[in-house]
Amino acid sequence: MRIKMKMPDLAATDSPIRVLQWRVQPGQKIERGQAILEVETDKATMDVESIASGLLVETQAQPGDEVSAGQVIAVLETDATQHSTAPSRETVL
């Protein structure tokens, strides 16, 4: 199943969130809870963790981009689909 991963709400204010670097690249396997992205807010630099185990298919924010909470930042393919012959479905989280 494909999942569109959204930027979590990391700041108490509406300040922009700047993408610093991806810790994994498209095509790499990831685990739920793994740090996959480093971002910066007006208060701190922090990691964003994967919301599912599987494969990072696509990144939709590049280093230097400013993103908002709730904006889609990546597309993940979950393990459930990799072992199934069922058609892929897409979920937004």
PDB file of N, CA and C in Angstrom:
ATOM      1  N   MET A   1       0.842  -1.167   0.000  1.00  0.00           N
ATOM      2  CA  MET A   1       0.000   0.000   0.000  1.00  0.00           C
ATOM      3  C   MET A   1       0.892   1.237   0.000  1.00  0.00           C
ATOM      4  N   ARG A   2       0.558   2.181  -0.821  1.00  0.00           N
ATOM      5  CA  ARG A   2       1.285   3.459  -0.833  1.00  0.00           C
ATOM      6  C   ARG A   2       0.684   4.396   0.194  1.00  0.00           C
ATOM      7  N   ILE A   3       1.555   5.057   0.937  1.00  0.00           N
ATOM      8  CA  ILE A   3       1.145   5.996   1.969  1.00  0.00           C
ATOM      9  C   ILE A   3       1.794   7.335   1.684  1.00  0.00           C
ATOM     10  N   LYS A   4       1.005   8.391   1.693  1.00  0.00           N
ATOM     11  CA  LYS A   4       1.549   9.742   1.576  1.00  0.00           C
ATOM     12  C   LYS A   4       1.806  10.237   2.987  1.00  0.00           C
ATOM     13  N   MET A   5       3.070  10.423   3.319  1.00  0.00           N
ATOM     14  CA  MET A   5       3.456  10.868   4.655  1.00  0.00           C
ATOM     15  C   MET A   5       3.449  12.383   4.709  1.00  0.00           C
ATOM     16  N   LYS A   6       2.738  12.918   5.709  1.00  0.00           N
ATOM     17  CA  LYS A   6       2.647  14.372   5.876  1.00  0.00           C
ATOM     18  C   LYS A   6       3.619  14.845   6.951  1.00  0.00           C
ATOM     19  N   MET A   7       4.028  16.109   6.841  1.00  0.00           N
ATOM     20  CA  MET A   7       4.888  16.717   7.851  1.00  0.00           C
ATOM     21  C   MET A   7       4.102  16.828   9.149  1.00  0.00           C
ATOM     22  N   PRO A   8       4.655  16.263  10.230  1.00  0.00           N
ATOM     23  CA  PRO A   8       3.962  16.415  11.518  1.00  0.00           C
ATOM     24  C   PRO A   8       4.042  17.858  12.010  1.00  0.00           C
ATOM     25  N   ASP A   9       3.173  18.211  12.929  1.00  0.00           N
ATOM     26  CA  ASP A   9       3.164  19.544  13.520  1.00  0.00           C
ATOM     27  C   ASP A   9       4.245  19.580  14.595  1.00  0.00           C
ATOM     28  N   LEU A  10       5.381  20.178  14.290  1.00  0.00           N
ATOM     29  CA  LEU A  10       6.540  20.165  15.180  1.00  0.00           C
ATOM     30  C   LEU A  10       6.691  21.434  15.997  1.00  0.00           C
ATOM     31  N   ALA A  11       6.062  22.496  15.577  1.00  0.00           N
ATOM     32  CA  ALA A  11       6.255  23.787  16.246  1.00  0.00           C
ATOM     33  C   ALA A  11       4.950  24.236  16.898  1.00  0.00           C
ATOM     34  N   ALA A  12       5.084  24.911  18.012  1.00  0.00           N
ATOM     35  CA  ALA A  12       3.903  25.422  18.704  1.00  0.00           C
ATOM     36  C   ALA A  12       3.336  26.645  17.981  1.00  0.00           C
ATOM     37  N   THR A  13       4.125  27.227  17.109  1.00  0.00           N
ATOM     38  CA  THR A  13       3.678  28.393  16.352  1.00  0.00           C
ATOM     39  C   THR A  13       3.481  27.992  14.893  1.00  0.00           C
ATOM     40  N   ASP A  14       3.046  28.918  14.077  1.00  0.00           N
ATOM     41  CA  ASP A  14       2.877  28.649  12.651  1.00  0.00           C
ATOM     42  C   ASP A  14       4.156  28.928  11.874  1.00  0.00           C
ATOM     43  N   SER A  15       5.291  28.858  12.535  1.00  0.00           N
ATOM     44  CA  SER A  15       6.560  29.152  11.874  1.00  0.00           C
ATOM     45  C   SER A  15       6.868  28.083  10.827  1.00  0.00           C
ATOM     46  N   PRO A  16       7.586  28.456   9.785  1.00  0.00           N
ATOM     47  CA  PRO A  16       7.919  27.498   8.736  1.00  0.00           C
ATOM     48  C   PRO A  16       8.872  26.420   9.253  1.00  0.00           C
ATOM     49  N   ILE A  17       8.807  25.275   8.596  1.00  0.00           N
ATOM     50  CA  ILE A  17       9.704  24.163   8.886  1.00  0.00           C
ATOM     51  C   ILE A  17      10.599  24.015   7.669  1.00  0.00           C
ATOM     52  N   ARG A  18      11.914  24.109   7.874  1.00  0.00           N
ATOM     53  CA  ARG A  18      12.862  24.026   6.755  1.00  0.00           C
ATOM     54  C   ARG A  18      13.460  22.620   6.700  1.00  0.00           C
ATOM     55  N   VAL A  19      13.436  22.020   5.510  1.00  0.00           N
ATOM     56  CA  VAL A  19      14.049  20.711   5.290  1.00  0.00           C
ATOM     57  C   VAL A  19      15.562  20.903   5.229  1.00  0.00           C
ATOM     58  N   LEU A  20      16.286  20.171   6.082  1.00  0.00           N
ATOM     59  CA  LEU A  20      17.748  20.255   6.068  1.00  0.00           C
ATOM     60  C   LEU A  20      18.360  19.139   5.238  1.00  0.00           C
ATOM     61  N   GLN A  21      17.976  17.886   5.541  1.00  0.00           N
ATOM     62  CA  GLN A  21      18.519  16.775   4.759  1.00  0.00           C
ATOM     63  C   GLN A  21      17.685  15.516   4.959  1.00  0.00           C
ATOM     64  N   TRP A  22      17.640  14.700   3.912  1.00  0.00           N
ATOM     65  CA  TRP A  22      17.026  13.381   4.001  1.00  0.00           C
ATOM     66  C   TRP A  22      18.101  12.418   4.495  1.00  0.00           C
ATOM     67  N   ARG A  23      17.772  11.597   5.469  1.00  0.00           N
ATOM     68  CA  ARG A  23      18.711  10.613   6.009  1.00  0.00           C
ATOM     69  C   ARG A  23      18.662   9.307   5.222  1.00  0.00           C
ATOM     70  N   VAL A  24      17.628   9.132   4.411  1.00  0.00           N
ATOM     71  CA  VAL A  24      17.508   7.987   3.510  1.00  0.00           C
ATOM     72  C   VAL A  24      17.129   8.512   2.131  1.00  0.00           C
ATOM     73  N   GLN A  25      17.366   7.708   1.129  1.00  0.00           N
ATOM     74  CA  GLN A  25      17.092   8.103  -0.244  1.00  0.00           C
ATOM     75  C   GLN A  25      15.988   7.218  -0.822  1.00  0.00           C
ATOM     76  N   PRO A  26      15.269   7.713  -1.846  1.00  0.00           N
ATOM     77  CA  PRO A  26      14.257   6.881  -2.492  1.00  0.00           C
ATOM     78  C   PRO A  26      14.863   5.545  -2.923  1.00  0.00           C
ATOM     79  N   GLY A  27      14.089   4.485  -2.677  1.00  0.00           N
ATOM     80  CA  GLY A  27      14.550   3.132  -2.993  1.00  0.00           C
ATOM     81  C   GLY A  27      15.099   2.387  -1.789  1.00  0.00           C
ATOM     82  N   GLN A  28      15.353   3.114  -0.685  1.00  0.00           N
ATOM     83  CA  GLN A  28      15.889   2.465   0.507  1.00  0.00           C
ATOM     84  C   GLN A  28      14.764   1.979   1.405  1.00  0.00           C
ATOM     85  N   LYS A  29      15.023   0.845   2.085  1.00  0.00           N
ATOM     86  CA  LYS A  29      14.080   0.324   3.071  1.00  0.00           C
ATOM     87  C   LYS A  29      14.156   1.171   4.330  1.00  0.00           C
ATOM     88  N   ILE A  30      13.008   1.309   4.981  1.00  0.00           N
ATOM     89  CA  ILE A  30      12.927   2.078   6.222  1.00  0.00           C
ATOM     90  C   ILE A  30      12.094   1.310   7.231  1.00  0.00           C
ATOM     91  N   GLU A  31      12.294   1.628   8.492  1.00  0.00           N
ATOM     92  CA  GLU A  31      11.529   1.028   9.585  1.00  0.00           C
ATOM     93  C   GLU A  31      10.688   2.103  10.257  1.00  0.00           C
ATOM     94  N   ARG A  32       9.529   1.709  10.754  1.00  0.00           N
ATOM     95  CA  ARG A  32       8.684   2.644  11.502  1.00  0.00           C
ATOM     96  C   ARG A  32       9.486   3.185  12.680  1.00  0.00           C
ATOM     97  N   GLY A  33       9.471   4.505  12.865  1.00  0.00           N
ATOM     98  CA  GLY A  33      10.205   5.137  13.951  1.00  0.00           C
ATOM     99  C   GLY A  33      11.635   5.515  13.598  1.00  0.00           C
ATOM    100  N   GLN A  34      12.104   5.123  12.419  1.00  0.00           N
ATOM    101  CA  GLN A  34      13.459   5.466  11.972  1.00  0.00           C
ATOM    102  C   GLN A  34      13.512   6.927  11.557  1.00  0.00           C
ATOM    103  N   ALA A  35      14.579   7.617  11.945  1.00  0.00           N
ATOM    104  CA  ALA A  35      14.772   9.008  11.521  1.00  0.00           C
ATOM    105  C   ALA A  35      15.064   9.008  10.024  1.00  0.00           C
ATOM    106  N   ILE A  36      14.195   9.672   9.257  1.00  0.00           N
ATOM    107  CA  ILE A  36      14.390   9.699   7.805  1.00  0.00           C
ATOM    108  C   ILE A  36      14.655  11.096   7.264  1.00  0.00           C
ATOM    109  N   LEU A  37      14.401  12.114   8.080  1.00  0.00           N
ATOM    110  CA  LEU A  37      14.489  13.494   7.612  1.00  0.00           C
ATOM    111  C   LEU A  37      14.911  14.396   8.761  1.00  0.00           C
ATOM    112  N   GLU A  38      15.817  15.336   8.484  1.00  0.00           N
ATOM    113  CA  GLU A  38      16.205  16.338   9.474  1.00  0.00           C
ATOM    114  C   GLU A  38      15.619  17.674   9.051  1.00  0.00           C
ATOM    115  N   VAL A  39      14.944  18.342   9.998  1.00  0.00           N
ATOM    116  CA  VAL A  39      14.307  19.625   9.720  1.00  0.00           C
ATOM    117  C   VAL A  39      14.688  20.635  10.795  1.00  0.00           C
ATOM    118  N   GLU A  40      14.388  21.906  10.490  1.00  0.00           N
ATOM    119  CA  GLU A  40      14.684  22.987  11.418  1.00  0.00           C
ATOM    120  C   GLU A  40      13.446  23.875  11.545  1.00  0.00           C
ATOM    121  N   THR A  41      13.100  24.203  12.791  1.00  0.00           N
ATOM    122  CA  THR A  41      12.032  25.172  13.051  1.00  0.00           C
ATOM    123  C   THR A  41      12.701  26.416  13.619  1.00  0.00           C
ATOM    124  N   ASP A  42      11.892  27.396  14.014  1.00  0.00           N
ATOM    125  CA  ASP A  42      12.467  28.596  14.614  1.00  0.00           C
ATOM    126  C   ASP A  42      13.058  28.308  15.992  1.00  0.00           C
ATOM    127  N   LYS A  43      12.761  27.148  16.562  1.00  0.00           N
ATOM    128  CA  LYS A  43      13.221  26.829  17.911  1.00  0.00           C
ATOM    129  C   LYS A  43      14.289  25.736  17.978  1.00  0.00           C
ATOM    130  N   ALA A  44      14.305  24.796  17.028  1.00  0.00           N
ATOM    131  CA  ALA A  44      15.213  23.655  17.149  1.00  0.00           C
ATOM    132  C   ALA A  44      15.408  22.937  15.820  1.00  0.00           C
ATOM    133  N   THR A  45      16.446  22.117  15.784  1.00  0.00           N
ATOM    134  CA  THR A  45      16.685  21.181  14.694  1.00  0.00           C
ATOM    135  C   THR A  45      16.294  19.808  15.216  1.00  0.00           C
ATOM    136  N   MET A  46      15.540  19.053  14.421  1.00  0.00           N
ATOM    137  CA  MET A  46      15.082  17.748  14.888  1.00  0.00           C
ATOM    138  C   MET A  46      14.893  16.778  13.734  1.00  0.00           C
ATOM    139  N   ASP A  47      14.749  15.501  14.096  1.00  0.00           N
ATOM    140  CA  ASP A  47      14.502  14.451  13.121  1.00  0.00           C
ATOM    141  C   ASP A  47      13.011  14.195  12.998  1.00  0.00           C
ATOM    142  N   VAL A  48      12.601  13.804  11.803  1.00  0.00           N
ATOM    143  CA  VAL A  48      11.240  13.339  11.553  1.00  0.00           C
ATOM    144  C   VAL A  48      11.349  11.842  11.327  1.00  0.00           C
ATOM    145  N   GLU A  49      10.498  11.079  12.026  1.00  0.00           N
ATOM    146  CA  GLU A  49      10.539   9.627  11.952  1.00  0.00           C
ATOM    147  C   GLU A  49       9.522   9.087  10.958  1.00  0.00           C
ATOM    148  N   SER A  50       9.852   7.939  10.380  1.00  0.00           N
ATOM    149  CA  SER A  50       8.938   7.272   9.459  1.00  0.00           C
ATOM    150  C   SER A  50       7.698   6.802  10.213  1.00  0.00           C
ATOM    151  N   ILE A  51       6.551   6.899   9.562  1.00  0.00           N
ATOM    152  CA  ILE A  51       5.287   6.473  10.157  1.00  0.00           C
ATOM    153  C   ILE A  51       4.965   5.016   9.846  1.00  0.00           C
ATOM    154  N   ALA A  52       5.797   4.369   9.000  1.00  0.00           N
ATOM    155  CA  ALA A  52       5.545   2.977   8.620  1.00  0.00           C
ATOM    156  C   ALA A  52       6.846   2.320   8.185  1.00  0.00           C
ATOM    157  N   SER A  53       6.871   1.008   8.232  1.00  0.00           N
ATOM    158  CA  SER A  53       7.995   0.236   7.698  1.00  0.00           C
ATOM    159  C   SER A  53       7.722  -0.046   6.228  1.00  0.00           C
ATOM    160  N   GLY A  54       8.776  -0.090   5.445  1.00  0.00           N
ATOM    161  CA  GLY A  54       8.622  -0.385   4.027  1.00  0.00           C
ATOM    162  C   GLY A  54       9.734   0.221   3.207  1.00  0.00           C
ATOM    163  N   LEU A  55       9.357   0.913   2.140  1.00  0.00           N
ATOM    164  CA  LEU A  55      10.292   1.484   1.187  1.00  0.00           C
ATOM    165  C   LEU A  55       9.971   2.956   0.982  1.00  0.00           C
ATOM    166  N   LEU A  56      11.013   3.800   0.994  1.00  0.00           N
ATOM    167  CA  LEU A  56      10.823   5.207   0.645  1.00  0.00           C
ATOM    168  C   LEU A  56      10.777   5.279  -0.876  1.00  0.00           C
ATOM    169  N   VAL A  57       9.615   5.608  -1.414  1.00  0.00           N
ATOM    170  CA  VAL A  57       9.422   5.633  -2.862  1.00  0.00           C
ATOM    171  C   VAL A  57       9.813   6.987  -3.443  1.00  0.00           C
ATOM    172  N   GLU A  58       9.395   8.063  -2.776  1.00  0.00           N
ATOM    173  CA  GLU A  58       9.586   9.399  -3.344  1.00  0.00           C
ATOM    174  C   GLU A  58       9.635  10.439  -2.231  1.00  0.00           C
ATOM    175  N   THR A  59      10.494  11.447  -2.405  1.00  0.00           N
ATOM    176  CA  THR A  59      10.491  12.596  -1.508  1.00  0.00           C
ATOM    177  C   THR A  59       9.833  13.755  -2.246  1.00  0.00           C
ATOM    178  N   GLN A  60       9.010  14.523  -1.537  1.00  0.00           N
ATOM    179  CA  GLN A  60       8.300  15.637  -2.166  1.00  0.00           C
ATOM    180  C   GLN A  60       8.706  16.977  -1.572  1.00  0.00           C
ATOM    181  N   ALA A  61       9.803  16.972  -0.832  1.00  0.00           N
ATOM    182  CA  ALA A  61      10.394  18.204  -0.300  1.00  0.00           C
ATOM    183  C   ALA A  61      11.898  18.025  -0.364  1.00  0.00           C
ATOM    184  N   GLN A  62      12.579  19.055  -0.799  1.00  0.00           N
ATOM    185  CA  GLN A  62      14.030  18.981  -0.975  1.00  0.00           C
ATOM    186  C   GLN A  62      14.744  19.830   0.069  1.00  0.00           C
ATOM    187  N   PRO A  63      16.025  19.526   0.341  1.00  0.00           N
ATOM    188  CA  PRO A  63      16.778  20.371   1.273  1.00  0.00           C
ATOM    189  C   PRO A  63      16.688  21.843   0.869  1.00  0.00           C
ATOM    190  N   GLY A  64      16.392  22.674   1.876  1.00  0.00           N
ATOM    191  CA  GLY A  64      16.220  24.104   1.641  1.00  0.00           C
ATOM    192  C   GLY A  64      14.760  24.513   1.513  1.00  0.00           C
ATOM    193  N   ASP A  65      13.876  23.560   1.196  1.00  0.00           N
ATOM    194  CA  ASP A  65      12.447  23.868   1.073  1.00  0.00           C
ATOM    195  C   ASP A  65      11.853  24.189   2.434  1.00  0.00           C
ATOM    196  N   GLU A  66      10.874  25.091   2.446  1.00  0.00           N
ATOM    197  CA  GLU A  66      10.075  25.338   3.639  1.00  0.00           C
ATOM    198  C   GLU A  66       8.747  24.620   3.441  1.00  0.00           C
ATOM    199  N   VAL A  67       8.350  23.860   4.458  1.00  0.00           N
ATOM    200  CA  VAL A  67       7.104  23.104   4.388  1.00  0.00           C
ATOM    201  C   VAL A  67       6.228  23.459   5.578  1.00  0.00           C
ATOM    202  N   SER A  68       4.972  23.122   5.466  1.00  0.00           N
ATOM    203  CA  SER A  68       4.007  23.378   6.538  1.00  0.00           C
ATOM    204  C   SER A  68       3.574  22.065   7.161  1.00  0.00           C
ATOM    205  N   ALA A  69       3.127  22.126   8.400  1.00  0.00           N
ATOM    206  CA  ALA A  69       2.549  20.952   9.037  1.00  0.00           C
ATOM    207  C   ALA A  69       1.367  20.492   8.187  1.00  0.00           C
ATOM    208  N   GLY A  70       1.292  19.199   7.935  1.00  0.00           N
ATOM    209  CA  GLY A  70       0.209  18.655   7.124  1.00  0.00           C
ATOM    210  C   GLY A  70       0.524  18.531   5.648  1.00  0.00           C
ATOM    211  N   GLN A  71       1.629  19.114   5.199  1.00  0.00           N
ATOM    212  CA  GLN A  71       2.024  19.026   3.790  1.00  0.00           C
ATOM    213  C   GLN A  71       2.638  17.653   3.522  1.00  0.00           C
ATOM    214  N   VAL A  72       2.306  17.044   2.377  1.00  0.00           N
ATOM    215  CA  VAL A  72       2.886  15.752   2.009  1.00  0.00           C
ATOM    216  C   VAL A  72       4.369  15.950   1.721  1.00  0.00           C
ATOM    217  N   ILE A  73       5.206  15.132   2.389  1.00  0.00           N
ATOM    218  CA  ILE A  73       6.656  15.246   2.219  1.00  0.00           C
ATOM    219  C   ILE A  73       7.289  14.016   1.592  1.00  0.00           C
ATOM    220  N   ALA A  74       6.578  12.877   1.628  1.00  0.00           N
ATOM    221  CA  ALA A  74       7.149  11.650   1.087  1.00  0.00           C
ATOM    222  C   ALA A  74       6.056  10.655   0.753  1.00  0.00           C
ATOM    223  N   VAL A  75       6.407   9.706  -0.107  1.00  0.00           N
ATOM    224  CA  VAL A  75       5.530   8.583  -0.434  1.00  0.00           C
ATOM    225  C   VAL A  75       6.256   7.318  -0.012  1.00  0.00           C
ATOM    226  N   LEU A  76       5.561   6.497   0.779  1.00  0.00           N
ATOM    227  CA  LEU A  76       6.123   5.244   1.278  1.00  0.00           C
ATOM    228  C   LEU A  76       5.332   4.078   0.706  1.00  0.00           C
ATOM    229  N   GLU A  77       6.007   2.957   0.502  1.00  0.00           N
ATOM    230  CA  GLU A  77       5.352   1.704   0.118  1.00  0.00           C
ATOM    231  C   GLU A  77       5.507   0.785   1.316  1.00  0.00           C
ATOM    232  N   THR A  78       4.389   0.383   1.907  1.00  0.00           N
ATOM    233  CA  THR A  78       4.467  -0.433   3.114  1.00  0.00           C
ATOM    234  C   THR A  78       4.809  -1.875   2.785  1.00  0.00           C
ATOM    235  N   ASP A  79       5.325  -2.567   3.780  1.00  0.00           N
ATOM    236  CA  ASP A  79       5.726  -3.968   3.617  1.00  0.00           C
ATOM    237  C   ASP A  79       4.562  -4.843   3.190  1.00  0.00           C
ATOM    238  N   ALA A  80       3.365  -4.536   3.646  1.00  0.00           N
ATOM    239  CA  ALA A  80       2.204  -5.359   3.324  1.00  0.00           C
ATOM    240  C   ALA A  80       2.030  -5.513   1.817  1.00  0.00           C
ATOM    241  N   THR A  81       2.265  -4.457   1.055  1.00  0.00           N
ATOM    242  CA  THR A  81       2.102  -4.511  -0.398  1.00  0.00           C
ATOM    243  C   THR A  81       3.249  -5.262  -1.060  1.00  0.00           C
ATOM    244  N   GLN A  82       4.427  -5.174  -0.508  1.00  0.00           N
ATOM    245  CA  GLN A  82       5.583  -5.816  -1.124  1.00  0.00           C
ATOM    246  C   GLN A  82       5.439  -7.331  -1.139  1.00  0.00           C
ATOM    247  N   HIS A  83       4.625  -7.893  -0.240  1.00  0.00           N
ATOM    248  CA  HIS A  83       4.460  -9.335  -0.163  1.00  0.00           C
ATOM    249  C   HIS A  83       3.098  -9.772  -0.672  1.00  0.00           C
ATOM    250  N   SER A  84       2.396  -8.896  -1.360  1.00  0.00           N
ATOM    251  CA  SER A  84       1.040  -9.173  -1.809  1.00  0.00           C
ATOM    252  C   SER A  84       0.939  -8.995  -3.316  1.00  0.00           C
ATOM    253  N   THR A  85       0.020  -9.719  -3.921  1.00  0.00           N
ATOM    254  CA  THR A  85      -0.221  -9.545  -5.353  1.00  0.00           C
ATOM    255  C   THR A  85      -1.432  -8.656  -5.594  1.00  0.00           C
ATOM    256  N   ALA A  86      -2.042  -8.154  -4.521  1.00  0.00           N
ATOM    257  CA  ALA A  86      -3.210  -7.275  -4.643  1.00  0.00           C
ATOM    258  C   ALA A  86      -2.798  -5.937  -5.239  1.00  0.00           C
ATOM    259  N   PRO A  87      -3.713  -5.260  -5.953  1.00  0.00           N
ATOM    260  CA  PRO A  87      -3.394  -3.941  -6.491  1.00  0.00           C
ATOM    261  C   PRO A  87      -3.030  -2.957  -5.380  1.00  0.00           C
ATOM    262  N   SER A  88      -2.145  -2.043  -5.696  1.00  0.00           N
ATOM    263  CA  SER A  88      -1.706  -1.041  -4.722  1.00  0.00           C
ATOM    264  C   SER A  88      -2.813  -0.043  -4.461  1.00  0.00           C
ATOM    265  N   ARG A  89      -3.007   0.290  -3.168  1.00  0.00           N
ATOM    266  CA  ARG A  89      -3.935   1.342  -2.765  1.00  0.00           C
ATOM    267  C   ARG A  89      -3.114   2.454  -2.141  1.00  0.00           C
ATOM    268  N   GLU A  90      -3.646   3.646  -2.131  1.00  0.00           N
ATOM    269  CA  GLU A  90      -2.920   4.779  -1.601  1.00  0.00           C
ATOM    270  C   GLU A  90      -3.656   5.344  -0.384  1.00  0.00           C
ATOM    271  N   THR A  91      -2.894   5.592   0.670  1.00  0.00           N
ATOM    272  CA  THR A  91      -3.435   6.149   1.902  1.00  0.00           C
ATOM    273  C   THR A  91      -2.658   7.398   2.257  1.00  0.00           C
ATOM    274  N   VAL A  92      -3.329   8.388   2.805  1.00  0.00           N
ATOM    275  CA  VAL A  92      -2.663   9.617   3.244  1.00  0.00           C
ATOM    276  C   VAL A  92      -2.693   9.648   4.759  1.00  0.00           C
ATOM    277  N   LEU A  93      -1.507   9.758   5.379  1.00  0.00           N
ATOM    278  CA  LEU A  93      -1.400   9.854   6.836  1.00  0.00           C
ATOM    279  C   LEU A  93      -0.660  11.096   7.217  1.00  0.00           C
TER     280      LEU A  93
END
